[in-house]
């Protein structure tokens, strides 16, 4: 026969008849301990069972094996507070196993009294040290003062002005070359020169962003406002990541600059290219 008993609110078991007697003899189960087995219709003290339960009584309380309804009724009354849904037999099994839970980290099953609770998590002894160390590491990790959308927008405008000036200088140089070579009246020459100017302007922006972010951690526009581009750990990014971040801005710009705008609503104030490259933009102090 399988027995279950309570230690506080935790349910322990199953144990057999011999084990329940040994627990009683060693004092781990007292007359006031609540116990239950498949022949009882509710939990009762061990003193009550030892006073009035004998072989005849147990046999008389057993459900008829050929009567499925009788068996169902007996089990469904295991604990009225735990078996509200009598239409779901899985609830009955869950009630009997409620004395055990899974570790939130390794997912192995342990008795409830062996698990240590950390908020909503239940951690077994084997995982407790590693789990607590991770919590301490997360608590001690510096919180980055993230730059808000407005600051980043202004910094982008400053960079846009600088890149615009570079573009105008390239355009003026192209016009001068066309006039100096008398090729301004040649349609094919004009088209080729202006295509080269446009490509040079794009490459100049890529070089501009990659160099300043890789070397100083920010473009001149960001430096003017005290902003800096860092990785997820708050460390300086290298030239390779700076170049990748610049190229990823193409994705943020299409369509309708949505990748930039999402920084205004993102919980970490990150743009799409920040998330692609694993970067953040921080300020000297947290601002909106």
Protein backbone atom coordinates (compact mmCIF):
# COMPACT_ATOMS: atom_id res chain seq x y z
CA UNK A 1 0.00 0.00 0.00
CA UNK A 2 1.32 3.49 -0.84
CA UNK A 3 1.21 6.10 1.90
CA UNK A 4 1.71 9.87 1.72
CA UNK A 5 2.32 12.20 4.65
CA UNK A 6 2.69 15.93 5.19
CA UNK A 7 5.64 17.92 6.49
CA UNK A 8 4.18 21.38 6.93
CA UNK A 9 2.42 22.05 3.63
CA UNK A 10 4.68 19.73 1.62
CA UNK A 11 3.44 16.25 0.77
CA UNK A 12 5.97 13.41 0.90
CA UNK A 13 5.67 9.92 -0.54
CA UNK A 14 4.88 7.36 -1.58
CA UNK A 15 6.14 5.04 1.17
CA UNK A 16 5.01 1.47 1.84
CA UNK A 17 3.50 -0.03 5.00
CA UNK A 18 6.86 -1.04 6.44
CA UNK A 19 8.36 2.38 5.84
CA UNK A 20 5.43 4.20 7.40
CA UNK A 21 5.83 2.08 10.55
CA UNK A 22 9.56 2.79 10.64
CA UNK A 23 8.92 6.52 10.30
CA UNK A 24 6.46 6.33 13.17
CA UNK A 25 8.92 4.41 15.35
CA UNK A 26 11.74 6.89 14.70
CA UNK A 27 9.47 9.83 15.48
CA UNK A 28 9.54 11.37 12.00
CA UNK A 29 5.80 10.76 11.90
CA UNK A 30 3.81 11.57 15.04
CA UNK A 31 0.20 10.98 15.95
CA UNK A 32 -0.58 14.51 14.69
CA UNK A 33 1.04 14.01 11.28
CA UNK A 34 -1.48 14.11 8.43
CA UNK A 35 -1.38 10.94 6.30
CA UNK A 36 -3.24 9.51 3.33
CA UNK A 37 -3.37 6.32 1.28
CA UNK A 38 -5.55 5.07 -1.55
CA UNK A 39 -8.09 3.61 0.86
CA UNK A 40 -8.84 6.90 2.62
CA UNK A 41 -11.30 9.43 1.30
CA UNK A 42 -9.48 12.36 2.98
CA UNK A 43 -6.32 13.25 4.87
CA UNK A 44 -6.33 12.32 8.59
CA UNK A 45 -3.87 12.19 11.46
CA UNK A 46 -1.66 9.15 11.84
CA UNK A 47 -3.05 8.74 15.37
CA UNK A 48 -6.54 8.22 14.00
CA UNK A 49 -5.36 5.57 11.55
CA UNK A 50 -3.33 3.67 14.16
CA UNK A 51 -6.26 3.70 16.62
CA UNK A 52 -9.05 2.52 14.36
CA UNK A 53 -7.49 1.05 11.19
CA UNK A 54 -7.06 -2.70 11.00
CA UNK A 55 -7.10 -5.17 8.13
CA UNK A 56 -10.89 -5.51 8.18
CA UNK A 57 -11.45 -1.77 8.19
CA UNK A 58 -9.08 -1.21 5.31
CA UNK A 59 -10.72 -3.94 3.25
CA UNK A 60 -14.16 -2.51 3.91
CA UNK A 61 -13.01 0.95 2.70
CA UNK A 62 -11.46 -0.35 -0.51
CA UNK A 63 -13.38 0.57 -3.68
CA UNK A 64 -14.87 -2.20 -5.74
CA UNK A 65 -12.43 -3.17 -8.48
CA UNK A 66 -15.21 -3.88 -10.94
CA UNK A 67 -16.86 -0.52 -10.32
CA UNK A 68 -14.90 2.21 -12.18
CA UNK A 69 -17.15 4.91 -10.77
CA UNK A 70 -16.41 3.84 -7.19
CA UNK A 71 -12.66 3.96 -7.85
CA UNK A 72 -12.98 7.40 -9.45
CA UNK A 73 -14.96 8.78 -6.53
CA UNK A 74 -12.48 7.52 -3.97
CA UNK A 75 -9.50 9.05 -5.78
CA UNK A 76 -11.28 12.28 -6.61
CA UNK A 77 -11.76 12.90 -2.88
CA UNK A 78 -7.99 12.72 -2.26
CA UNK A 79 -8.03 16.40 -1.25
CA UNK A 80 -11.14 18.52 -2.00
CA UNK A 81 -9.03 21.72 -2.17
CA UNK A 82 -6.75 20.23 -4.81
CA UNK A 83 -9.24 18.40 -7.05
CA UNK A 84 -11.72 21.06 -8.04
CA UNK A 85 -11.77 19.89 -11.64
CA UNK A 86 -13.22 16.39 -11.31
CA UNK A 87 -13.47 16.05 -15.08
CA UNK A 88 -9.68 15.99 -15.50
CA UNK A 89 -7.98 12.82 -14.14
CA UNK A 90 -4.58 14.49 -14.64
CA UNK A 91 -5.36 16.76 -11.69
CA UNK A 92 -5.60 13.72 -9.42
CA UNK A 93 -2.15 12.52 -10.46
CA UNK A 94 -0.74 16.04 -10.08
CA UNK A 95 -2.09 16.26 -6.54
CA UNK A 96 -0.32 13.05 -5.56
CA UNK A 97 2.96 14.32 -7.04
CA UNK A 98 2.78 17.82 -5.67
CA UNK A 99 5.40 17.01 -3.07
CA UNK A 100 8.02 17.15 -5.84
CA UNK A 101 9.04 19.93 -8.23
CA UNK A 102 11.51 20.42 -11.06
CA UNK A 103 14.67 22.51 -10.69
CA UNK A 104 14.31 25.65 -12.83
CA UNK A 105 17.86 25.23 -14.11
CA UNK A 106 18.59 21.52 -14.67
CA UNK A 107 14.88 20.46 -14.76
CA UNK A 108 15.48 17.38 -12.61
CA UNK A 109 12.81 16.46 -10.06
CA UNK A 110 13.45 16.97 -6.34
CA UNK A 111 11.41 17.03 -3.15
CA UNK A 112 10.12 20.53 -2.42
CA UNK A 113 12.05 20.78 0.82
CA UNK A 114 15.32 20.23 -1.10
CA UNK A 115 14.73 23.14 -3.46
CA UNK A 116 15.73 26.73 -2.71
CA UNK A 117 13.37 29.41 -3.96
CA UNK A 118 14.72 32.48 -5.77
CA UNK A 119 11.66 34.51 -6.64
CA UNK A 120 9.66 32.36 -9.04
CA UNK A 121 12.59 29.96 -9.58
CA UNK A 122 13.18 26.74 -7.63
CA UNK A 123 16.84 25.70 -7.61
CA UNK A 124 18.31 22.36 -6.53
CA UNK A 125 21.42 22.18 -4.28
CA UNK A 126 23.65 21.19 -7.21
CA UNK A 127 22.68 24.29 -9.21
CA UNK A 128 22.38 26.75 -6.31
CA UNK A 129 26.00 27.94 -6.23
CA UNK A 130 26.21 28.58 -9.97
CA UNK A 131 22.78 30.22 -10.03
CA UNK A 132 23.56 32.55 -7.12
CA UNK A 133 26.89 33.51 -8.73
CA UNK A 134 25.06 34.45 -11.93
CA UNK A 135 22.64 36.59 -9.94
CA UNK A 136 25.53 38.38 -8.22
CA UNK A 137 27.24 38.94 -11.57
CA UNK A 138 24.08 40.41 -13.06
CA UNK A 139 23.50 42.63 -10.01
CA UNK A 140 27.08 43.91 -10.07
CA UNK A 141 27.11 44.54 -13.84
CA UNK A 142 27.22 48.28 -14.63
CA UNK A 143 24.00 49.74 -15.93
CA UNK A 144 24.74 51.63 -19.12
CA UNK A 145 23.33 55.18 -19.37
CA UNK A 146 21.55 54.68 -22.69
CA UNK A 147 21.20 57.63 -25.03
CA UNK A 148 17.66 58.60 -25.92
CA UNK A 149 16.14 59.01 -29.35
CA UNK A 150 16.21 62.83 -29.33
CA UNK A 151 19.94 63.02 -28.59
CA UNK A 152 20.71 60.45 -31.26
CA UNK A 153 18.55 62.31 -33.77
CA UNK A 154 20.43 65.58 -33.18
CA UNK A 155 23.78 63.77 -33.44
CA UNK A 156 22.64 62.27 -36.76
CA UNK A 157 21.73 65.74 -38.04
CA UNK A 158 25.21 67.03 -37.19
CA UNK A 159 26.81 64.08 -38.99
CA UNK A 160 24.43 64.67 -41.90
CA UNK A 161 25.60 68.27 -42.22
CA UNK A 162 29.25 67.16 -42.24
CA UNK A 163 28.60 64.45 -44.85
CA UNK A 164 26.53 66.93 -46.85
CA UNK A 165 29.47 69.35 -46.97
CA UNK A 166 31.73 66.52 -48.15
CA UNK A 167 29.19 65.69 -50.88
CA UNK A 168 29.02 69.31 -52.02
CA UNK A 169 32.80 69.49 -52.25
CA UNK A 170 32.83 66.33 -54.36
CA UNK A 171 30.09 67.73 -56.61
CA UNK A 172 31.92 71.04 -57.02
CA UNK A 173 35.11 69.16 -57.90
CA UNK A 174 33.24 67.17 -60.55
CA UNK A 175 31.76 70.32 -62.12
CA UNK A 176 35.19 71.94 -62.14
CA UNK A 177 36.69 68.91 -63.90
CA UNK A 178 33.92 68.91 -66.50
CA UNK A 179 34.41 72.61 -67.24
CA UNK A 180 38.19 72.33 -67.25
CA UNK A 181 38.10 69.48 -69.76
CA UNK A 182 35.29 70.97 -71.85
CA UNK A 183 33.35 67.73 -71.23
CA UNK A 184 30.37 69.44 -69.65
CA UNK A 185 28.55 69.34 -72.98
CA UNK A 186 29.09 65.57 -73.32
CA UNK A 187 26.13 63.69 -71.82
CA UNK A 188 27.97 60.43 -71.31
CA UNK A 189 30.88 62.19 -69.57
CA UNK A 190 28.53 64.07 -67.25
CA UNK A 191 26.67 60.90 -66.31
CA UNK A 192 29.88 58.98 -65.64
CA UNK A 193 31.35 61.78 -63.52
CA UNK A 194 28.23 62.19 -61.41
CA UNK A 195 27.94 58.42 -60.86
CA UNK A 196 31.53 58.45 -59.63
CA UNK A 197 30.74 61.43 -57.39
CA UNK A 198 27.77 59.62 -55.86
CA UNK A 199 29.80 56.43 -55.24
CA UNK A 200 32.62 58.50 -53.74
CA UNK A 201 30.13 60.24 -51.47
CA UNK A 202 28.76 56.90 -50.21
CA UNK A 203 32.27 55.52 -49.65
CA UNK A 204 33.30 58.68 -47.84
CA UNK A 205 30.39 58.26 -45.42
CA UNK A 206 31.30 54.61 -44.79
CA UNK A 207 34.94 55.55 -44.18
CA UNK A 208 33.86 58.51 -42.01
CA UNK A 209 31.61 56.40 -39.75
CA UNK A 210 33.91 53.36 -39.58
CA UNK A 211 37.02 55.41 -38.77
CA UNK A 212 35.53 57.64 -36.08
CA UNK A 213 33.52 54.88 -34.37
CA UNK A 214 36.46 52.45 -34.53
CA UNK A 215 39.02 55.02 -33.38
CA UNK A 216 37.08 57.27 -30.98
CA UNK A 217 33.93 55.25 -30.29
CA UNK A 218 31.67 57.87 -31.89
CA UNK A 219 31.21 60.04 -34.97
CA UNK A 220 31.81 63.81 -34.61
CA UNK A 221 28.08 64.37 -34.18
CA UNK A 222 27.93 61.91 -31.29
CA UNK A 223 31.17 63.25 -29.77
CA UNK A 224 29.67 66.75 -29.78
CA UNK A 225 26.78 65.50 -27.60
CA UNK A 226 28.82 63.20 -25.37
CA UNK A 227 27.55 59.98 -26.94
CA UNK A 228 29.52 56.81 -27.54
CA UNK A 229 28.96 53.52 -29.40
CA UNK A 230 29.78 50.43 -27.30
CA UNK A 231 29.09 46.70 -27.42
CA UNK A 232 26.59 44.95 -25.13
CA UNK A 233 29.17 44.79 -22.30
CA UNK A 234 29.94 48.49 -22.49
CA UNK A 235 33.32 47.99 -24.23
CA UNK A 236 34.68 49.94 -27.18
CA UNK A 237 33.88 48.51 -30.62
CA UNK A 238 36.63 47.81 -33.15
CA UNK A 239 36.95 48.88 -36.77
CA UNK A 240 35.34 45.69 -38.09
CA UNK A 241 32.21 46.05 -35.97
CA UNK A 242 32.14 49.80 -36.71
CA UNK A 243 32.19 49.04 -40.44
CA UNK A 244 29.50 46.38 -40.07
CA UNK A 245 27.33 48.77 -38.08
CA UNK A 246 27.67 51.43 -40.77
CA UNK A 247 26.63 48.99 -43.51
CA UNK A 248 23.73 47.74 -41.34
CA UNK A 249 22.34 51.28 -41.34
CA UNK A 250 21.20 50.57 -44.88
CA UNK A 251 18.73 48.07 -43.42
CA UNK A 252 17.59 50.65 -40.84
CA UNK A 253 17.00 53.23 -43.57
CA UNK A 254 14.71 50.97 -45.62
CA UNK A 255 11.80 51.47 -45.59
CA UNK A 256 11.07 54.99 -44.33
CA UNK A 257 13.93 54.93 -41.78
CA UNK A 258 11.91 52.57 -39.56
CA UNK A 259 15.09 51.01 -38.16
CA UNK A 260 16.12 54.43 -36.80
CA UNK A 261 12.68 55.31 -35.48
CA UNK A 262 12.40 52.10 -33.47
CA UNK A 263 14.96 53.55 -31.00
CA UNK A 264 12.17 55.82 -29.74
CA UNK A 265 10.07 52.82 -28.68
CA UNK A 266 12.70 50.17 -27.93
CA UNK A 267 13.09 49.36 -24.22
CA UNK A 268 16.89 49.53 -24.61
CA UNK A 269 16.75 52.55 -26.95
CA UNK A 270 18.43 50.54 -29.71
CA UNK A 271 18.01 50.97 -33.45
CA UNK A 272 17.71 48.06 -35.85
CA UNK A 273 21.39 48.26 -36.82
CA UNK A 274 22.31 48.30 -33.11
CA UNK A 275 20.46 45.03 -32.63
CA UNK A 276 21.98 43.52 -35.77
CA UNK A 277 25.54 44.33 -34.65
CA UNK A 278 25.10 43.97 -30.89
CA UNK A 279 25.85 47.62 -30.06
CA UNK A 280 24.39 50.37 -27.90
CA UNK A 281 24.74 54.13 -27.83
CA UNK A 282 25.38 55.50 -24.35
CA UNK A 283 25.48 59.03 -22.95
CA UNK A 284 27.39 60.59 -20.08
CA UNK A 285 24.09 60.56 -18.21
CA UNK A 286 20.80 58.83 -18.95
CA UNK A 287 18.49 61.11 -20.90
CA UNK A 288 15.22 60.79 -22.79
